[in-house]
Every structure is written in structure tokens, then in C-alpha cells.
């Protein structure tokens, strides 16, 4: 359940999509780690090492974007 705090910034659709993508990437990373721990074939070990590294980079990028959006004050529309 979501709880709203006084200091919570309004969330826009892009931010919510980032959070969703971050959660999916976390699941993919957990899946890649689980597969890596259960394979014996050297080729599959290499494949999962690459997959884990790839998903880690994606997770790091998305986490950085989420943190960046949390630190940016909400923009107000300006009149032209």
C-alpha cells in the first residue's frame, strides 16, 4: 500500500514508468543471478555473466534517473 507523506513530490507518468521499469529490471537481475548459480555448462556460465553485467548496468542507469527525478523540483507551467 502506498503511503503519502507531507514532503512527497507529485509523481508524473514518466516517473511512475521509471519505477515500474526499475522493478522489472530488479526481477530480471534476480532471475539472472538465480540462473547463474544453477548452471554447470561453461558456455552458459559465460552467457549468464554477460547477462548479469548487462542487467546491472541497466539497473544502475534507471536508479540514477529515479534519484535524479527525486532531486529535481517539480516544474511549473509558464505562460507564453
Protein backbone atom coordinates (compact mmCIF):
# COMPACT_ATOMS: atom_id res chain seq x y z
CA UNK A 1 0.00 0.00 0.00
CA UNK A 2 1.27 3.45 -0.87
CA UNK A 3 1.55 5.98 1.90
CA UNK A 4 1.62 9.67 1.21
CA UNK A 5 3.91 11.91 3.17
CA UNK A 6 3.82 15.68 3.54
CA UNK A 7 7.07 16.16 1.64
CA UNK A 8 6.22 13.73 -1.13
CA UNK A 9 6.59 15.29 -4.56
CA UNK A 10 3.89 14.87 -7.15
CA UNK A 11 4.61 11.94 -9.42
CA UNK A 12 4.27 12.24 -13.13
CA UNK A 13 3.71 9.44 -15.58
CA UNK A 14 7.38 9.30 -16.66
CA UNK A 15 8.49 8.85 -13.05
CA UNK A 16 5.99 6.06 -12.50
CA UNK A 17 7.17 4.32 -15.68
CA UNK A 18 10.75 4.58 -14.44
CA UNK A 19 9.79 2.98 -11.14
CA UNK A 20 7.98 0.19 -12.98
CA UNK A 21 10.96 -0.41 -15.26
CA UNK A 22 13.28 -0.38 -12.24
CA UNK A 23 11.17 -3.05 -10.52
CA UNK A 24 11.13 -5.20 -13.66
CA UNK A 25 14.88 -4.82 -14.04
CA UNK A 26 15.37 -5.88 -10.42
CA UNK A 27 13.31 -9.00 -11.12
CA UNK A 28 15.40 -9.70 -14.24
CA UNK A 29 18.58 -9.29 -12.21
CA UNK A 30 17.34 -11.71 -9.55
CA UNK A 31 16.41 -14.18 -12.31
CA UNK A 32 19.84 -13.86 -13.97
CA UNK A 33 21.61 -14.41 -10.63
CA UNK A 34 19.49 -17.48 -9.91
CA UNK A 35 20.20 -18.94 -13.32
CA UNK A 36 23.92 -18.19 -12.99
CA UNK A 37 24.05 -20.07 -9.70
CA UNK A 38 22.38 -23.14 -11.19
CA UNK A 39 24.26 -23.73 -14.44
CA UNK A 40 27.22 -26.02 -14.95
CA UNK A 41 27.97 -25.65 -18.64
CA UNK A 42 30.89 -23.23 -19.24
CA UNK A 43 29.11 -21.58 -22.18
CA UNK A 44 26.02 -20.93 -20.08
CA UNK A 45 28.15 -19.60 -17.24
CA UNK A 46 29.68 -17.08 -19.66
CA UNK A 47 26.24 -16.17 -21.02
CA UNK A 48 24.84 -15.50 -17.56
CA UNK A 49 27.89 -13.48 -16.57
CA UNK A 50 27.21 -11.21 -19.56
CA UNK A 51 23.51 -11.11 -18.75
CA UNK A 52 24.11 -10.19 -15.11
CA UNK A 53 26.55 -7.45 -16.13
CA UNK A 54 24.11 -6.10 -18.72
CA UNK A 55 21.15 -6.03 -16.36
CA UNK A 56 23.29 -4.48 -13.60
CA UNK A 57 24.19 -1.60 -15.92
CA UNK A 58 20.55 -1.09 -16.84
CA UNK A 59 19.56 -1.13 -13.16
CA UNK A 60 22.29 1.37 -12.29
CA UNK A 61 21.14 3.70 -15.08
CA UNK A 62 17.46 3.52 -14.09
CA UNK A 63 18.25 4.01 -10.41
CA UNK A 64 20.29 7.09 -11.28
CA UNK A 65 17.39 8.51 -13.31
CA UNK A 66 14.94 7.88 -10.46
CA UNK A 67 17.23 9.57 -7.95
CA UNK A 68 17.75 12.45 -10.35
CA UNK A 69 14.00 12.94 -10.70
CA UNK A 70 13.54 12.82 -6.93
CA UNK A 71 16.02 15.68 -6.50
CA UNK A 72 14.59 17.90 -9.22
CA UNK A 73 11.88 20.28 -8.05
CA UNK A 74 8.60 19.93 -9.96
CA UNK A 75 8.31 22.32 -12.87
CA UNK A 76 5.52 24.80 -13.02
CA UNK A 77 3.88 25.70 -16.31
CA UNK A 78 4.89 29.08 -17.65
CA UNK A 79 2.70 31.42 -19.62
CA UNK A 80 3.88 32.29 -23.11
